[in-house]
C-alpha atoms as a PDB file:
ATOM      1  CA  MET A   1     -53.952 -16.879  -2.073  1.00  0.00           C
ATOM      2  CA  ASP A   2     -55.970 -14.872   0.409  1.00  0.00           C
ATOM      3  CA  ILE A   3     -59.541 -14.845  -0.963  1.00  0.00           C
ATOM      4  CA  PHE A   4     -61.211 -13.732   2.322  1.00  0.00           C
ATOM      5  CA  GLN A   5     -60.126 -10.786   4.585  1.00  0.00           C
ATOM      6  CA  GLU A   6     -59.037 -13.270   7.142  1.00  0.00           C
ATOM      7  CA  LYS A   7     -55.822 -14.937   5.970  1.00  0.00           C
ATOM      8  CA  GLN A   8     -55.605 -18.518   4.924  1.00  0.00           C
ATOM      9  CA  PRO A   9     -54.944 -20.742   8.024  1.00  0.00           C
ATOM     10  CA  ASP A  10     -51.933 -23.037   8.035  1.00  0.00           C
ATOM     11  CA  ASN A  11     -54.194 -25.760   9.071  1.00  0.00           C
ATOM     12  CA  LEU A  12     -57.922 -26.229   9.087  1.00  0.00           C
ATOM     13  CA  TYR A  13     -58.891 -29.205  11.111  1.00  0.00           C
ATOM     14  CA  ILE A  14     -61.980 -31.189   9.728  1.00  0.00           C
ATOM     15  CA  SER A  15     -61.831 -33.892  12.494  1.00  0.00           C
ATOM     16  CA  GLN A  16     -59.155 -35.386  14.837  1.00  0.00           C
ATOM     17  CA  LYS A  17     -57.954 -37.512  11.883  1.00  0.00           C
ATOM     18  CA  LEU A  18     -58.378 -35.209   8.923  1.00  0.00           C
ATOM     19  CA  ARG A  19     -56.987 -31.834   8.430  1.00  0.00           C
ATOM     20  CA  LEU A  20     -56.301 -29.518   5.445  1.00  0.00           C
ATOM     21  CA  GLY A  21     -52.774 -27.986   5.524  1.00  0.00           C
ATOM     22  CA  LYS A  22     -52.068 -24.674   3.599  1.00  0.00           C
ATOM     23  CA  PHE A  23     -49.993 -25.552   0.433  1.00  0.00           C
ATOM     24  CA  GLN A  24     -46.553 -24.596   0.886  1.00  0.00           C
ATOM     25  CA  GLU A  25     -44.636 -26.631  -1.746  1.00  0.00           C
ATOM     26  CA  ILE A  26     -44.999 -29.609  -4.011  1.00  0.00           C
ATOM     27  CA  VAL A  27     -44.611 -32.690  -2.063  1.00  0.00           C
ATOM     28  CA  PRO A  28     -43.254 -35.941  -3.796  1.00  0.00           C
ATOM     29  CA  GLN A  29     -46.465 -38.067  -3.712  1.00  0.00           C
ATOM     30  CA  ALA A  30     -48.514 -35.282  -5.503  1.00  0.00           C
ATOM     31  CA  LEU A  31     -46.755 -36.163  -8.733  1.00  0.00           C
ATOM     32  CA  SER A  32     -47.960 -39.745  -8.408  1.00  0.00           C
ATOM     33  CA  TRP A  33     -51.441 -38.604  -8.014  1.00  0.00           C
ATOM     34  CA  TYR A  34     -51.467 -36.897 -11.093  1.00  0.00           C
ATOM     35  CA  GLN A  35     -49.970 -39.907 -13.058  1.00  0.00           C
ATOM     36  CA  ASP A  36     -52.653 -42.177 -11.780  1.00  0.00           C
ATOM     37  CA  GLU A  37     -54.958 -43.064 -14.821  1.00  0.00           C
ATOM     38  CA  GLN A  38     -58.178 -42.884 -12.842  1.00  0.00           C
ATOM     39  CA  ILE A  39     -57.507 -39.466 -11.620  1.00  0.00           C
ATOM     40  CA  LEU A  40     -56.562 -38.208 -14.889  1.00  0.00           C
ATOM     41  CA  ARG A  41     -59.714 -39.478 -16.446  1.00  0.00           C
ATOM     42  CA  LEU A  42     -61.927 -38.024 -13.770  1.00  0.00           C
ATOM     43  CA  ILE A  43     -60.371 -34.568 -13.906  1.00  0.00           C
ATOM     44  CA  SER A  44     -59.245 -34.070 -17.607  1.00  0.00           C
ATOM     45  CA  ARG A  45     -60.903 -34.816 -20.573  1.00  0.00           C
ATOM     46  CA  GLN A  46     -58.729 -32.515 -22.888  1.00  0.00           C
ATOM     47  CA  ASN A  47     -55.159 -33.563 -21.770  1.00  0.00           C
ATOM     48  CA  ILE A  48     -55.255 -36.851 -20.014  1.00  0.00           C
ATOM     49  CA  ALA A  49     -51.513 -37.398 -20.427  1.00  0.00           C
ATOM     50  CA  PRO A  50     -49.713 -38.073 -17.000  1.00  0.00           C
ATOM     51  CA  TYR A  51     -48.377 -34.822 -15.330  1.00  0.00           C
ATOM     52  CA  ASP A  52     -44.663 -34.184 -15.230  1.00  0.00           C
ATOM     53  CA  GLN A  53     -42.930 -31.902 -12.437  1.00  0.00           C
ATOM     54  CA  THR A  54     -43.441 -28.759 -14.811  1.00  0.00           C
ATOM     55  CA  ARG A  55     -47.081 -29.411 -15.582  1.00  0.00           C
ATOM     56  CA  LEU A  56     -47.759 -30.117 -11.786  1.00  0.00           C
ATOM     57  CA  LYS A  57     -46.212 -26.844 -10.890  1.00  0.00           C
ATOM     58  CA  ARG A  58     -48.074 -24.891 -13.419  1.00  0.00           C
ATOM     59  CA  MET A  59     -51.261 -26.407 -11.930  1.00  0.00           C
ATOM     60  CA  TYR A  60     -50.385 -26.001  -8.429  1.00  0.00           C
ATOM     61  CA  ASP A  61     -49.408 -22.220  -9.175  1.00  0.00           C
ATOM     62  CA  TYR A  62     -52.599 -21.611 -10.974  1.00  0.00           C
ATOM     63  CA  LEU A  63     -54.824 -23.154  -8.222  1.00  0.00           C
ATOM     64  CA  ASN A  64     -52.929 -21.242  -5.452  1.00  0.00           C
ATOM     65  CA  GLY A  65     -53.035 -17.934  -7.382  1.00  0.00           C
ATOM     66  CA  ARG A  66     -56.919 -18.141  -7.372  1.00  0.00           C
ATOM     67  CA  GLY A  67     -57.870 -19.539  -4.173  1.00  0.00           C
ATOM     68  CA  GLU A  68     -56.796 -21.261  -1.062  1.00  0.00           C
ATOM     69  CA  LEU A  69     -55.146 -24.402  -1.925  1.00  0.00           C
ATOM     70  CA  TYR A  70     -54.636 -27.174   0.769  1.00  0.00           C
ATOM     71  CA  TYR A  71     -53.296 -30.680   0.980  1.00  0.00           C
ATOM     72  CA  ILE A  72     -55.708 -32.948   2.306  1.00  0.00           C
ATOM     73  CA  GLU A  73     -54.080 -34.735   5.424  1.00  0.00           C
ATOM     74  CA  TYR A  74     -55.042 -37.973   7.089  1.00  0.00           C
ATOM     75  CA  MET A  75     -53.706 -39.121  10.598  1.00  0.00           C
ATOM     76  CA  THR A  76     -51.894 -42.564  10.069  1.00  0.00           C
ATOM     77  CA  GLY A  77     -50.397 -43.883  13.217  1.00  0.00           C
ATOM     78  CA  ASN A  78     -49.219 -40.774  15.134  1.00  0.00           C
ATOM     79  CA  ARG A  79     -48.718 -38.332  12.083  1.00  0.00           C
ATOM     80  CA  PHE A  80     -50.473 -36.437   9.201  1.00  0.00           C
ATOM     81  CA  THR A  81     -49.942 -38.004   5.593  1.00  0.00           C
ATOM     82  CA  LYS A  82     -50.830 -36.086   2.603  1.00  0.00           C
ATOM     83  CA  ILE A  83     -53.502 -38.064   0.613  1.00  0.00           C
ATOM     84  CA  GLY A  84     -54.933 -35.352  -1.995  1.00  0.00           C
ATOM     85  CA  ASP A  85     -55.502 -31.768  -2.527  1.00  0.00           C
ATOM     86  CA  VAL A  86     -58.420 -29.318  -2.647  1.00  0.00           C
ATOM     87  CA  THR A  87     -58.861 -25.661  -3.507  1.00  0.00           C
ATOM     88  CA  LEU A  88     -61.411 -23.368  -2.443  1.00  0.00           C
ATOM     89  CA  MET A  89     -62.032 -20.720  -5.271  1.00  0.00           C
ATOM     90  CA  PRO A  90     -64.532 -18.087  -5.797  1.00  0.00           C
ATOM     91  CA  HIS A  91     -66.116 -20.108  -8.528  1.00  0.00           C
ATOM     92  CA  ASP A  92     -64.753 -23.619  -8.172  1.00  0.00           C
ATOM     93  CA  LEU A  93     -63.856 -26.286  -5.562  1.00  0.00           C
ATOM     94  CA  PRO A  94     -61.656 -28.889  -7.308  1.00  0.00           C
ATOM     95  CA  ILE A  95     -60.775 -31.822  -4.938  1.00  0.00           C
ATOM     96  CA  VAL A  96     -58.550 -34.727  -5.705  1.00  0.00           C
ATOM     97  CA  ILE A  97     -58.064 -37.827  -3.244  1.00  0.00           C
ATOM     98  CA  GLY A  98     -54.854 -38.992  -4.669  1.00  0.00           C
ATOM     99  CA  ASN A  99     -54.040 -42.118  -2.574  1.00  0.00           C
ATOM    100  CA  PRO A 100     -56.289 -44.826  -3.762  1.00  0.00           C
ATOM    101  CA  LYS A 101     -56.349 -46.470  -0.272  1.00  0.00           C
ATOM    102  CA  PHE A 102     -58.513 -43.278   0.975  1.00  0.00           C
ATOM    103  CA  ARG A 103     -61.121 -43.151  -1.725  1.00  0.00           C
ATOM    104  CA  GLY A 104     -64.472 -44.071  -1.170  1.00  0.00           C
ATOM    105  CA  LYS A 105     -64.365 -43.447   2.688  1.00  0.00           C
ATOM    106  CA  GLY A 106     -66.226 -40.439   2.930  1.00  0.00           C
ATOM    107  CA  ILE A 107     -63.070 -38.000   3.327  1.00  0.00           C
ATOM    108  CA  GLY A 108     -64.062 -35.950   0.179  1.00  0.00           C
ATOM    109  CA  HIS A 109     -67.450 -35.278   1.768  1.00  0.00           C
ATOM    110  CA  GLN A 110     -65.921 -34.255   4.986  1.00  0.00           C
ATOM    111  CA  VAL A 111     -63.445 -32.027   3.306  1.00  0.00           C
ATOM    112  CA  ILE A 112     -66.133 -30.440   0.954  1.00  0.00           C
ATOM    113  CA  HIS A 113     -68.342 -29.773   4.069  1.00  0.00           C
ATOM    114  CA  GLY A 114     -65.451 -28.217   6.028  1.00  0.00           C
ATOM    115  CA  LEU A 115     -64.659 -25.741   3.080  1.00  0.00           C
ATOM    116  CA  VAL A 116     -68.216 -24.903   2.597  1.00  0.00           C
ATOM    117  CA  ALA A 117     -68.432 -23.770   6.255  1.00  0.00           C
ATOM    118  CA  ARG A 118     -65.383 -21.702   5.816  1.00  0.00           C
ATOM    119  CA  ALA A 119     -66.497 -20.155   2.754  1.00  0.00           C
ATOM    120  CA  PHE A 120     -70.084 -19.290   4.353  1.00  0.00           C
ATOM    121  CA  ALA A 121     -68.358 -17.988   7.790  1.00  0.00           C
ATOM    122  CA  GLN A 122     -66.220 -15.606   5.487  1.00  0.00           C
ATOM    123  CA  GLY A 123     -69.106 -14.257   3.895  1.00  0.00           C
ATOM    124  CA  MET A 124     -69.505 -16.176   0.575  1.00  0.00           C
ATOM    125  CA  THR A 125     -73.276 -16.592  -0.336  1.00  0.00           C
ATOM    126  CA  GLU A 126     -72.762 -19.239  -2.910  1.00  0.00           C
ATOM    127  CA  VAL A 127     -70.147 -22.228  -3.540  1.00  0.00           C
ATOM    128  CA  TYR A 128     -69.809 -23.432  -7.066  1.00  0.00           C
ATOM    129  CA  VAL A 129     -68.128 -26.389  -8.742  1.00  0.00           C
ATOM    130  CA  GLU A 130     -67.306 -25.783 -12.321  1.00  0.00           C
ATOM    131  CA  ASP A 131     -67.527 -29.211 -13.577  1.00  0.00           C
ATOM    132  CA  ILE A 132     -68.275 -32.640 -12.349  1.00  0.00           C
ATOM    133  CA  TYR A 133     -68.082 -35.240 -15.392  1.00  0.00           C
ATOM    134  CA  HIS A 134     -71.071 -37.634 -16.031  1.00  0.00           C
ATOM    135  CA  ASP A 135     -68.868 -40.543 -14.994  1.00  0.00           C
ATOM    136  CA  ASN A 136     -67.530 -39.318 -11.767  1.00  0.00           C
ATOM    137  CA  ILE A 137     -70.106 -40.787  -9.603  1.00  0.00           C
ATOM    138  CA  GLY A 138     -68.078 -40.501  -6.359  1.00  0.00           C
ATOM    139  CA  SER A 139     -67.573 -36.595  -6.658  1.00  0.00           C
ATOM    140  CA  GLN A 140     -71.283 -36.275  -7.560  1.00  0.00           C
ATOM    141  CA  ARG A 141     -72.359 -38.047  -4.559  1.00  0.00           C
ATOM    142  CA  ALA A 142     -69.929 -36.329  -2.197  1.00  0.00           C
ATOM    143  CA  PHE A 143     -70.968 -32.815  -3.362  1.00  0.00           C
ATOM    144  CA  GLU A 144     -74.597 -33.818  -3.360  1.00  0.00           C
ATOM    145  CA  LYS A 145     -74.383 -35.225   0.172  1.00  0.00           C
ATOM    146  CA  CYS A 146     -73.194 -31.644   1.016  1.00  0.00           C
ATOM    147  CA  GLY A 147     -76.279 -30.095  -0.422  1.00  0.00           C
ATOM    148  CA  PHE A 148     -74.925 -29.027  -3.735  1.00  0.00           C
ATOM    149  CA  THR A 149     -77.363 -29.231  -6.465  1.00  0.00           C
ATOM    150  CA  ARG A 150     -76.823 -29.737 -10.438  1.00  0.00           C
ATOM    151  CA  ASP A 151     -76.440 -26.495 -12.242  1.00  0.00           C
ATOM    152  CA  LYS A 152     -75.796 -25.924 -15.829  1.00  0.00           C
ATOM    153  CA  LYS A 153     -74.838 -28.666 -18.366  1.00  0.00           C
ATOM    154  CA  THR A 154     -71.315 -28.782 -19.321  1.00  0.00           C
ATOM    155  CA  ILE A 155     -69.558 -30.637 -22.437  1.00  0.00           C
ATOM    156  CA  PHE A 156     -68.699 -33.642 -20.219  1.00  0.00           C
ATOM    157  CA  GLY A 157     -71.150 -33.217 -17.276  1.00  0.00           C
ATOM    158  CA  HIS A 158     -72.571 -30.468 -14.993  1.00  0.00           C
ATOM    159  CA  SER A 159     -71.573 -27.607 -12.932  1.00  0.00           C
ATOM    160  CA  TYR A 160     -72.942 -27.483  -9.269  1.00  0.00           C
ATOM    161  CA  HIS A 161     -73.659 -24.926  -6.887  1.00  0.00           C
ATOM    162  CA  LEU A 162     -74.750 -24.532  -3.056  1.00  0.00           C
ATOM    163  CA  LEU A 163     -76.525 -21.373  -1.539  1.00  0.00           C
ATOM    164  CA  ALA A 164     -75.792 -20.223   1.894  1.00  0.00           C
ATOM    165  CA  HIS A 165     -78.869 -20.881   4.186  1.00  0.00           C
END
């Protein structure tokens, strides 16, 4: 969904090895990300059952209808491989590094930084994260490294925000 006057780009390059590709369709590897026990624990306290194709489609339809949904793509060999997803929305910035080989390598921080730059360049004055759970230390660190601060307490953690400078 176009949330800015400028259309969502097909590719948003973060670095030579990292880009965000505009969501076009569900790729097969995405289903495995949302069947991973660790990811489910970090993104959903209410319904931690593994996703099936129907639930995955419903989630992507929801995200794509409310913001700019991208696949996170990392250069492996001589081609980009989809390793996760992220959505820039007016009141949230959910991110998942789905491929476990790429977690804990600073990719999330780079993606967040790139989308924050896009949001501010397009006129947003604040970027929000609706909820990061208490035990999701990796996400807390990635967002805090980008300048986000804890905001309101939520049932399972805190919301975060970042003001434009």
